[in-house]
Amino acid sequence: MAGVRRARQETLRETRREIDDFLRIGAVQVAELDLDDGTGAADEEAQAAVLRPGPGSPPVTSGTVFVLVRRAGLPVGTLLGQVPEGADPTRVLAGLARELPRGAPPEPRPAPPSASVVVATRERADQLARALDSLLAQDHPDFEIVVVDNAPVTGETRELVERKYGERVRYVCEPVPGLAVAHNRGLAAVRGEVVAFTDDDVVADPRWLTELTAPFAADPRLGCTTGLILPARLRTPAQVLLESHGGFAKGFVPRTYDPEHPPADEPLFPFTAGRFGSGANMAFRTAVLRTVGGFDPATGAGTRARGGDDLYGFVRVLAQGRRLRYTPRALVWHHHRETWRDLETQAYGYGAGLTAYLTAILVNRPALLPALLARVPGGLAHARRLTAVRATGEGAEAVGAPGGHDSRTHPWPRRLARLQRRGMLYGPVGYLRARRALRAAGGEAR
């Protein structure tokens, strides 16, 4: 008993030290810099560069800045810059940005198919309004927006949609709680050839919907697309810590995942679905998603499973022989959670959602069990890596703020790693409890 007590006390002391270190993380400005490569200027200094603050951020000043770099409007990379006191932020950051690789020329983009955007929400009218304003500014030629009000306790969301957006946004109410239930309700209501999903805490780039849906016109076997997610703000330690460990970004290189040609560098394919993208920025061919039955309603935020609904959708589509494409030109800015407690909840939920979705796959598609069992050894190693305590970067670049994609510049707290592992252990139980709760609420489990 004494040994257990000492171990608990040491864990508490370690967590206090981690929280103290966490609270010392400073804020980072967010901006985007567009380099106009179409000027024809031979001198790079003469080329135009336009610096803008990130969504909802003040103008850039001296200090640390997280920058999305665009070339002719298209995202090509991120960097972390330090603007000295009194210096011109545009000149300093443009100098750094021009050192980034230019990348391949953009591929021709076909005309996008008709699209529907589904936004599930619950009692967050202020955030929803910000998201809807950005969605209504899309350059897509033919789209609709459907708001799904999930298990509302007030009439604020309905009132907002009817008062401010009128016929431009359709309102649908889904009384059964759960993100997947809400998404399925939206899926049943949409009219577009492609259905896109995003969250109420994002700001969508004006090109987002066109870039996310155009690949469907070029590839008849495509079942799903995902896009780039960057931080809208890095004002709190929690936001900076999350983004310094990669955030939600999947890089700036387009990639197609084809079940007929499994990627050699993804030995767990398709079960590491988190590598493909996230639910805040995804789209499906509507008929394909309906054919596979949509999302498992016992997964997702708002259920005992805590998450995994998007991952389930990715794997079900791939299991149908459809391709999935990641396109970084489809950008949304995400408002990360703001507190240590938020990160604790998020870490546990990610762990639970991961194993809950795997349980859902096996319950609903038992034919996939042999493929999953064959990947168990690699899966265990992946789980250890996923929940490992990640150390800081090395050398002068370990500046304690986010930089390029997949950089690691802050130590990942052991407390969060332990919570993620606990979530993984809970996930299968949570999923089964969610199925029972769904039946009790009159819903329909898969």
Protein backbone atom coordinates (compact mmCIF):
# COMPACT_ATOMS: atom_id res chain seq x y z
CA MET A 1 0.00 0.00 0.00
CA ALA A 2 2.79 2.39 0.91
CA GLY A 3 4.41 1.83 -2.48
CA VAL A 4 1.16 2.54 -4.31
CA ARG A 5 0.68 5.68 -2.27
CA ARG A 6 4.19 6.91 -3.06
CA ALA A 7 3.65 6.22 -6.76
CA ARG A 8 0.43 8.23 -6.75
CA GLN A 9 2.11 11.11 -4.96
CA GLU A 10 4.95 11.11 -7.49
CA THR A 11 2.44 11.11 -10.34
CA LEU A 12 0.67 14.10 -8.79
CA ARG A 13 3.96 15.97 -8.41
CA GLU A 14 4.87 15.19 -12.00
CA THR A 15 1.50 16.44 -13.22
CA ARG A 16 1.91 19.67 -11.24
CA ARG A 17 5.33 20.21 -12.84
CA GLU A 18 3.85 19.58 -16.27
CA ILE A 19 1.06 22.06 -15.67
CA ASP A 20 3.58 24.66 -14.46
CA ASP A 21 5.61 24.15 -17.65
CA PHE A 22 2.41 24.28 -19.69
CA LEU A 23 1.41 27.64 -18.18
CA ARG A 24 4.74 29.15 -19.27
CA ILE A 25 3.99 28.56 -22.96
CA GLY A 26 3.56 31.94 -24.64
CA ALA A 27 1.04 33.06 -27.24
CA VAL A 28 1.88 32.96 -30.96
CA GLN A 29 0.45 35.19 -33.68
CA VAL A 30 -1.24 33.53 -36.66
CA ALA A 31 -0.98 34.96 -40.16
CA GLU A 32 -1.06 34.03 -43.84
CA LEU A 33 1.38 35.28 -46.45
CA ASP A 34 0.60 35.18 -50.16
CA LEU A 35 3.57 35.28 -52.52
CA ASP A 36 2.47 36.29 -55.99
CA ASP A 37 4.61 34.21 -58.34
CA GLY A 38 2.73 35.50 -61.34
CA THR A 39 4.29 38.95 -61.40
CA GLY A 40 7.04 38.00 -63.81
CA ALA A 41 9.60 39.80 -61.71
CA ALA A 42 13.09 38.36 -61.98
CA ASP A 43 14.06 39.78 -58.59
CA GLU A 44 12.31 37.91 -55.78
CA GLU A 45 12.39 41.04 -53.62
CA ALA A 46 10.32 42.78 -56.28
CA GLN A 47 7.63 40.11 -56.24
CA ALA A 48 4.47 41.04 -54.41
CA ALA A 49 3.87 39.65 -50.92
CA VAL A 50 0.63 40.18 -49.03
CA LEU A 51 0.51 39.52 -45.29
CA ARG A 52 -2.83 39.06 -43.55
CA PRO A 53 -3.66 38.14 -39.96
CA GLY A 54 -5.32 34.81 -39.32
CA PRO A 55 -9.12 34.70 -38.94
CA GLY A 56 -10.15 36.89 -36.03
CA SER A 57 -6.57 37.91 -35.25
CA PRO A 58 -5.20 41.46 -34.98
CA PRO A 59 -2.61 42.82 -37.44
CA VAL A 60 0.82 41.19 -37.19
CA THR A 61 3.41 42.95 -35.03
CA SER A 62 6.82 42.03 -33.63
CA GLY A 63 7.20 38.67 -31.95
CA THR A 64 6.64 35.02 -32.87
CA VAL A 65 4.36 34.36 -35.85
CA PHE A 66 2.96 31.09 -37.20
CA VAL A 67 2.52 31.66 -40.94
CA LEU A 68 0.63 29.84 -43.65
CA VAL A 69 2.51 30.49 -46.88
CA ARG A 70 0.56 30.63 -50.13
CA ARG A 71 1.81 30.93 -53.68
CA ALA A 72 -0.70 32.57 -55.98
CA GLY A 73 -3.34 31.90 -53.35
CA LEU A 74 -2.65 28.17 -52.88
CA PRO A 75 -1.29 26.81 -49.55
CA VAL A 76 2.27 25.47 -49.86
CA GLY A 77 3.60 25.27 -46.30
CA THR A 78 3.86 26.73 -42.82
CA LEU A 79 6.73 28.32 -40.98
CA LEU A 80 7.52 29.95 -37.66
CA GLY A 81 9.03 33.42 -37.91
CA GLN A 82 10.42 35.89 -35.41
CA VAL A 83 9.76 39.53 -36.27
CA PRO A 84 12.22 41.88 -34.49
CA GLU A 85 10.96 45.01 -32.79
CA GLY A 86 10.54 47.81 -35.33
CA ALA A 87 10.97 45.55 -38.36
CA ASP A 88 8.51 45.24 -41.24
CA PRO A 89 6.64 41.94 -40.64
CA THR A 90 5.87 41.46 -44.34
CA ARG A 91 9.50 41.83 -45.40
CA VAL A 92 10.83 39.57 -42.63
CA LEU A 93 8.30 36.79 -43.14
CA ALA A 94 8.41 36.97 -46.93
CA GLY A 95 12.17 36.47 -46.79
CA LEU A 96 11.67 33.30 -44.76
CA ALA A 97 8.78 32.11 -46.93
CA ARG A 98 10.78 32.31 -50.16
CA GLU A 99 13.13 29.67 -48.76
CA LEU A 100 10.33 27.10 -48.72
CA PRO A 101 10.27 24.59 -51.60
CA ARG A 102 8.05 25.73 -54.43
CA GLY A 103 6.41 22.34 -54.82
CA ALA A 104 4.83 20.92 -57.95
CA PRO A 105 2.70 23.16 -60.17
CA PRO A 106 -1.00 22.88 -59.31
CA GLU A 107 -2.95 20.33 -61.29
CA PRO A 108 -5.83 21.53 -63.50
CA ARG A 109 -9.05 21.61 -61.50
CA PRO A 110 -12.26 20.35 -63.12
CA ALA A 111 -15.60 22.01 -62.45
CA PRO A 112 -16.88 20.72 -59.10
CA PRO A 113 -20.11 18.71 -58.79
CA SER A 114 -23.11 20.03 -56.87
CA ALA A 115 -22.44 19.96 -53.14
CA SER A 116 -24.13 20.11 -49.76
CA VAL A 117 -22.39 21.24 -46.56
CA VAL A 118 -23.58 19.72 -43.27
CA VAL A 119 -22.73 21.51 -40.02
CA ALA A 120 -23.77 19.70 -36.83
CA THR A 121 -24.00 21.96 -33.79
CA ARG A 122 -25.30 22.13 -30.24
CA GLU A 123 -25.83 25.33 -28.26
CA ARG A 124 -22.96 27.30 -29.82
CA ALA A 125 -24.78 29.97 -31.79
CA ASP A 126 -21.94 32.51 -31.72
CA GLN A 127 -19.40 30.06 -33.12
CA LEU A 128 -21.93 28.75 -35.62
CA ALA A 129 -22.56 32.24 -37.00
CA ARG A 130 -18.84 32.72 -37.64
CA ALA A 131 -18.66 29.37 -39.46
CA LEU A 132 -21.79 30.02 -41.54
CA ASP A 133 -20.55 33.45 -42.61
CA SER A 134 -17.41 31.81 -44.03
CA LEU A 135 -19.41 29.02 -45.70
CA LEU A 136 -21.74 31.46 -47.43
CA ALA A 137 -18.67 33.18 -48.91
CA GLN A 138 -17.56 30.04 -50.80
CA ASP A 139 -16.73 30.36 -54.51
CA HIS A 140 -18.39 27.01 -55.33
CA PRO A 141 -20.98 27.50 -58.12
CA ASP A 142 -23.71 25.17 -56.80
CA PHE A 143 -24.06 24.33 -53.11
CA GLU A 144 -26.42 24.32 -50.14
CA ILE A 145 -25.84 24.48 -46.38
CA VAL A 146 -27.70 22.32 -43.87
CA VAL A 147 -27.41 22.99 -40.13
CA VAL A 148 -28.27 20.04 -37.90
CA ASP A 149 -29.25 21.16 -34.40
CA ASN A 150 -28.31 18.17 -32.23
CA ALA A 151 -30.38 17.53 -29.07
CA PRO A 152 -31.01 21.26 -28.45
CA VAL A 153 -32.02 22.53 -25.03
CA THR A 154 -32.79 26.05 -26.24
CA GLY A 155 -34.09 27.60 -29.45
CA GLU A 156 -30.97 29.74 -30.02
CA THR A 157 -29.68 27.83 -33.04
CA ARG A 158 -33.03 27.76 -34.80
CA GLU A 159 -33.56 31.44 -34.06
CA LEU A 160 -30.10 32.34 -35.41
CA VAL A 161 -30.58 30.41 -38.65
CA GLU A 162 -34.09 31.73 -39.30
CA ARG A 163 -33.32 35.33 -38.31
CA LYS A 164 -29.91 35.86 -39.89
CA TYR A 165 -29.68 33.37 -42.73
CA GLY A 166 -33.26 32.75 -43.84
CA GLU A 167 -33.51 30.67 -47.00
CA ARG A 168 -29.73 30.58 -47.52
CA VAL A 169 -29.32 27.92 -44.80
CA ARG A 170 -31.62 24.98 -44.09
CA TYR A 171 -32.32 24.09 -40.46
CA VAL A 172 -32.85 20.49 -39.33
CA CYS A 173 -33.38 19.29 -35.76
CA GLU A 174 -32.06 15.91 -34.55
CA PRO A 175 -33.28 15.15 -31.00
CA VAL A 176 -31.03 12.11 -30.38
CA PRO A 177 -27.60 13.24 -29.10
CA GLY A 178 -24.42 12.25 -30.91
CA LEU A 179 -22.31 13.65 -33.72
CA ALA A 180 -22.74 10.62 -35.98
CA VAL A 181 -26.51 10.68 -35.45
CA ALA A 182 -26.53 14.36 -36.43
CA HIS A 183 -24.38 13.70 -39.49
CA ASN A 184 -26.69 10.89 -40.59
CA ARG A 185 -29.65 13.24 -40.21
CA GLY A 186 -27.89 15.73 -42.44
CA LEU A 187 -26.96 13.01 -44.93
CA ALA A 188 -30.64 12.08 -45.27
CA ALA A 189 -31.58 15.71 -45.95
CA VAL A 190 -28.97 16.79 -48.52
CA ARG A 191 -29.49 17.14 -52.26
CA GLY A 192 -25.94 17.54 -53.57
CA GLU A 193 -23.94 14.94 -55.47
CA VAL A 194 -21.20 15.40 -52.86
CA VAL A 195 -21.80 15.98 -49.15
CA ALA A 196 -19.17 17.86 -47.15
CA PHE A 197 -18.94 17.96 -43.38
CA THR A 198 -17.33 20.57 -41.17
CA ASP A 199 -17.66 21.80 -37.59
CA ASP A 200 -19.16 24.90 -36.03
CA ASP A 201 -15.74 26.01 -34.71
CA VAL A 202 -14.06 26.55 -38.09
CA VAL A 203 -13.61 29.37 -40.56
CA ALA A 204 -13.57 28.01 -44.12
CA ASP A 205 -11.24 29.45 -46.75
CA PRO A 206 -13.28 30.85 -49.69
CA ARG A 207 -11.90 28.11 -51.99
CA TRP A 208 -12.50 25.32 -49.47
CA LEU A 209 -15.63 23.70 -50.89
CA THR A 210 -14.54 23.92 -54.52
CA GLU A 211 -11.13 22.41 -53.75
CA LEU A 212 -12.66 19.67 -51.57
CA THR A 213 -15.28 18.60 -54.12
CA ALA A 214 -13.56 19.09 -57.51
CA PRO A 215 -11.57 15.81 -57.23
CA PHE A 216 -14.86 13.85 -57.43
CA ALA A 217 -15.36 15.15 -60.96
CA ALA A 218 -11.94 13.87 -62.02
CA ASP A 219 -12.08 10.39 -60.46
CA PRO A 220 -15.26 8.27 -60.67
CA ARG A 221 -13.84 5.78 -58.14
CA LEU A 222 -13.29 8.48 -55.52
CA GLY A 223 -15.46 8.01 -52.45
CA CYS A 224 -14.04 10.53 -50.00
CA THR A 225 -11.84 13.60 -49.76
CA THR A 226 -10.22 15.33 -46.80
CA GLY A 227 -8.46 18.67 -46.50
CA LEU A 228 -6.03 20.82 -44.55
CA ILE A 229 -6.84 22.04 -41.02
CA LEU A 230 -4.79 24.88 -39.51
CA PRO A 231 -5.14 26.80 -36.23
CA ALA A 232 -7.24 29.96 -36.34
CA ARG A 233 -5.67 31.20 -33.10
CA LEU A 234 -2.71 30.32 -30.90
CA ARG A 235 -3.51 32.54 -27.95
CA THR A 236 -3.47 30.05 -25.08
CA PRO A 237 -0.93 27.44 -23.93
CA ALA A 238 -3.38 24.65 -24.82
CA GLN A 239 -3.73 25.85 -28.41
CA VAL A 240 0.02 26.23 -28.86
CA LEU A 241 0.78 22.85 -27.26
CA LEU A 242 -1.69 21.03 -29.50
CA GLU A 243 -0.44 22.66 -32.68
CA SER A 244 3.22 22.19 -31.72
CA HIS A 245 2.55 18.45 -31.95
CA GLY A 246 1.11 18.56 -35.43
CA GLY A 247 -2.44 19.67 -34.61
CA PHE A 248 -4.83 18.37 -37.25
CA ALA A 249 -2.63 19.09 -40.27
CA LYS A 250 -1.69 16.27 -42.66
CA GLY A 251 0.89 18.17 -44.66
CA PHE A 252 0.95 19.99 -47.97
CA VAL A 253 1.36 17.11 -50.42
CA PRO A 254 -1.81 15.76 -52.10
CA ARG A 255 -2.23 12.02 -51.76
CA THR A 256 -4.65 9.37 -52.95
CA TYR A 257 -5.28 6.21 -50.90
CA ASP A 258 -6.41 3.28 -53.03
CA PRO A 259 -7.49 -0.02 -51.40
CA GLU A 260 -6.47 -1.85 -54.59
CA HIS A 261 -2.92 -0.54 -54.13
CA PRO A 262 -2.27 -0.25 -50.36
CA PRO A 263 0.45 2.30 -49.58
CA ALA A 264 3.77 0.68 -48.71
CA ASP A 265 4.48 3.26 -46.02
CA GLU A 266 1.15 2.57 -44.24
CA PRO A 267 1.44 -1.04 -42.97
CA LEU A 268 -1.73 -0.64 -40.88
CA PHE A 269 -3.81 0.58 -43.85
CA PRO A 270 -6.72 1.19 -43.75
CA PHE A 271 -7.09 0.97 -39.97
CA THR A 272 -4.96 4.03 -39.14
CA ALA A 273 -7.72 6.17 -40.57
CA GLY A 274 -6.60 9.19 -38.55
CA ARG A 275 -3.75 9.55 -41.03
CA PHE A 276 -6.24 10.35 -43.79
CA GLY A 277 -7.85 13.45 -42.29
CA SER A 278 -10.38 14.64 -39.74
CA GLY A 279 -14.11 15.16 -39.48
CA ALA A 280 -13.85 18.95 -39.50
CA ASN A 281 -12.82 18.82 -43.17
CA MET A 282 -14.18 15.86 -45.13
CA ALA A 283 -16.51 15.13 -48.04
CA PHE A 284 -18.10 11.99 -49.50
CA ARG A 285 -19.83 11.07 -52.70
CA THR A 286 -23.37 11.20 -51.33
CA ALA A 287 -24.58 7.98 -52.95
CA VAL A 288 -21.53 6.07 -51.68
CA LEU A 289 -21.94 7.23 -48.09
CA ARG A 290 -25.62 6.34 -48.17
CA THR A 291 -24.81 2.92 -49.61
CA VAL A 292 -22.51 2.05 -46.69
CA GLY A 293 -25.17 3.22 -44.23
CA GLY A 294 -23.60 6.53 -43.26
CA PHE A 295 -21.82 6.83 -39.93
CA ASP A 296 -22.25 4.44 -37.01
CA PRO A 297 -24.63 6.35 -34.69
CA ALA A 298 -23.00 4.80 -31.61
CA THR A 299 -19.74 6.65 -32.37
CA GLY A 300 -18.79 10.30 -32.17
CA ALA A 301 -18.80 13.16 -29.71
CA GLY A 302 -21.92 13.26 -27.59
CA THR A 303 -22.00 9.47 -27.15
CA ARG A 304 -20.31 7.18 -24.65
CA ALA A 305 -17.88 6.21 -27.41
CA ARG A 306 -16.49 9.78 -27.32
CA GLY A 307 -15.40 9.86 -30.98
CA GLY A 308 -14.36 7.82 -34.00
CA ASP A 309 -17.30 8.60 -36.29
CA ASP A 310 -15.16 10.18 -39.01
CA LEU A 311 -12.61 7.34 -38.91
CA TYR A 312 -15.43 4.82 -39.23
CA GLY A 313 -16.70 6.63 -42.33
CA PHE A 314 -13.27 6.63 -43.97
CA VAL A 315 -12.72 2.90 -43.46
CA ARG A 316 -16.23 1.92 -44.57
CA VAL A 317 -15.77 3.81 -47.84
CA LEU A 318 -12.31 2.31 -48.43
CA ALA A 319 -13.69 -1.15 -47.64
CA GLN A 320 -16.14 -0.63 -50.53
CA GLY A 321 -13.18 -0.36 -52.89
CA ARG A 322 -13.44 3.43 -53.17
CA ARG A 323 -10.47 5.77 -53.14
CA LEU A 324 -9.82 8.54 -50.59
CA ARG A 325 -7.95 11.71 -51.56
CA TYR A 326 -6.25 14.19 -49.27
CA THR A 327 -6.06 17.67 -50.81
CA PRO A 328 -4.27 20.44 -48.90
CA ARG A 329 -5.76 23.09 -51.17
CA ALA A 330 -9.05 22.62 -49.26
CA LEU A 331 -8.36 24.66 -46.11
CA VAL A 332 -10.31 25.39 -42.94
CA TRP A 333 -9.06 27.30 -39.91
CA HIS A 334 -9.94 25.54 -36.68
CA HIS A 335 -10.46 27.14 -33.27
CA HIS A 336 -8.55 24.77 -31.00
CA ARG A 337 -9.64 24.18 -27.43
CA GLU A 338 -8.29 26.67 -24.95
CA THR A 339 -7.52 25.12 -21.54
CA TRP A 340 -5.56 22.32 -19.88
CA ARG A 341 -8.82 20.65 -18.89
CA ASP A 342 -9.90 20.80 -22.53
CA LEU A 343 -6.71 18.98 -23.53
CA GLU A 344 -7.32 16.30 -20.91
CA THR A 345 -10.82 15.74 -22.27
CA GLN A 346 -9.50 15.74 -25.82
CA ALA A 347 -6.68 13.26 -25.13
CA TYR A 348 -9.01 10.79 -23.43
CA GLY A 349 -11.62 11.22 -26.15
CA TYR A 350 -9.11 10.62 -28.95
CA GLY A 351 -7.95 7.40 -27.33
CA ALA A 352 -11.51 6.22 -26.73
CA GLY A 353 -12.66 7.19 -30.22
CA LEU A 354 -9.80 5.26 -31.82
CA THR A 355 -10.62 1.90 -30.25
CA ALA A 356 -14.38 2.57 -30.34
CA TYR A 357 -14.30 2.97 -34.11
CA LEU A 358 -12.24 -0.21 -34.49
CA THR A 359 -14.84 -2.02 -32.39
CA ALA A 360 -17.59 -0.55 -34.56
CA ILE A 361 -15.83 -1.76 -37.71
CA LEU A 362 -15.62 -5.32 -36.38
CA VAL A 363 -19.20 -5.33 -35.12
CA ASN A 364 -20.58 -4.03 -38.41
CA ARG A 365 -18.07 -5.59 -40.81
CA PRO A 366 -16.83 -8.86 -39.21
CA ALA A 367 -15.34 -9.85 -42.57
CA LEU A 368 -12.58 -7.32 -41.84
CA LEU A 369 -11.46 -9.22 -38.73
CA PRO A 370 -8.72 -11.29 -40.46
CA ALA A 371 -7.22 -8.13 -41.97
CA LEU A 372 -7.28 -6.41 -38.58
CA LEU A 373 -5.75 -9.39 -36.75
CA ALA A 374 -2.93 -9.51 -39.29
CA ARG A 375 -2.09 -5.94 -38.33
CA VAL A 376 -2.29 -6.37 -34.53
CA PRO A 377 1.50 -6.43 -33.90
CA GLY A 378 2.00 -3.28 -35.93
CA GLY A 379 -1.09 -1.77 -34.34
CA LEU A 380 0.30 -2.25 -30.84
CA ALA A 381 3.54 -0.56 -31.86
CA HIS A 382 1.53 2.28 -33.42
CA ALA A 383 -0.48 2.69 -30.20
CA ARG A 384 2.73 2.93 -28.18
CA ARG A 385 4.06 5.60 -30.52
CA LEU A 386 0.74 7.46 -30.47
CA THR A 387 0.68 7.71 -26.68
CA ALA A 388 4.40 8.12 -26.12
CA VAL A 389 5.70 11.09 -24.19
CA ARG A 390 7.12 13.10 -27.05
CA ALA A 391 10.21 15.11 -26.27
CA THR A 392 11.15 18.58 -27.41
CA GLY A 393 12.98 19.26 -30.62
CA GLU A 394 16.74 19.50 -30.65
CA GLY A 395 19.10 22.37 -31.02
CA ALA A 396 18.32 25.95 -31.93
CA GLU A 397 15.05 25.06 -33.65
CA ALA A 398 13.47 23.84 -30.41
CA VAL A 399 11.87 27.22 -29.81
CA GLY A 400 8.75 26.02 -28.04
CA ALA A 401 6.20 27.00 -30.70
CA PRO A 402 4.65 25.36 -33.76
CA GLY A 403 6.46 25.49 -37.05
CA GLY A 404 6.44 23.21 -40.06
CA HIS A 405 3.98 20.35 -40.46
CA ASP A 406 4.50 17.47 -38.02
CA SER A 407 7.10 19.33 -35.96
CA ARG A 408 7.37 18.60 -32.24
CA THR A 409 8.56 21.60 -30.27
CA HIS A 410 6.99 21.14 -26.84
CA PRO A 411 7.25 18.09 -24.60
CA TRP A 412 3.98 16.17 -24.66
CA PRO A 413 2.86 15.83 -21.02
CA ARG A 414 2.83 12.33 -19.53
CA ARG A 415 -0.55 13.15 -18.00
CA LEU A 416 -2.07 13.51 -21.49
CA ALA A 417 -0.34 10.36 -22.75
CA ARG A 418 -1.73 8.36 -19.83
CA LEU A 419 -5.22 9.70 -20.45
CA GLN A 420 -5.02 8.73 -24.10
CA ARG A 421 -4.04 5.17 -23.16
CA ARG A 422 -6.88 4.99 -20.65
CA GLY A 423 -9.23 6.17 -23.36
CA MET A 424 -8.02 3.39 -25.65
CA LEU A 425 -8.82 0.81 -22.97
CA TYR A 426 -12.26 2.33 -22.46
CA GLY A 427 -13.19 2.71 -26.13
CA PRO A 428 -14.69 -0.75 -26.81
CA VAL A 429 -16.72 -0.59 -23.60
CA GLY A 430 -17.85 2.93 -24.43
CA TYR A 431 -18.96 1.85 -27.89
CA LEU A 432 -21.06 -1.03 -26.56
CA ARG A 433 -22.60 1.28 -23.95
CA ALA A 434 -23.36 3.80 -26.66
CA ARG A 435 -25.19 1.15 -28.67
CA ARG A 436 -27.33 0.27 -25.67
CA ALA A 437 -28.05 3.94 -24.95
CA LEU A 438 -29.02 4.50 -28.57
CA ARG A 439 -31.53 1.69 -28.48
CA ALA A 440 -32.95 2.97 -25.19
CA ALA A 441 -33.40 6.43 -26.76
CA GLY A 442 -35.32 4.94 -29.65
CA GLY A 443 -32.45 5.20 -32.09
CA GLU A 444 -31.20 2.49 -34.39
CA ALA A 445 -27.81 0.85 -33.83
CA ARG A 446 -25.96 -0.56 -36.81
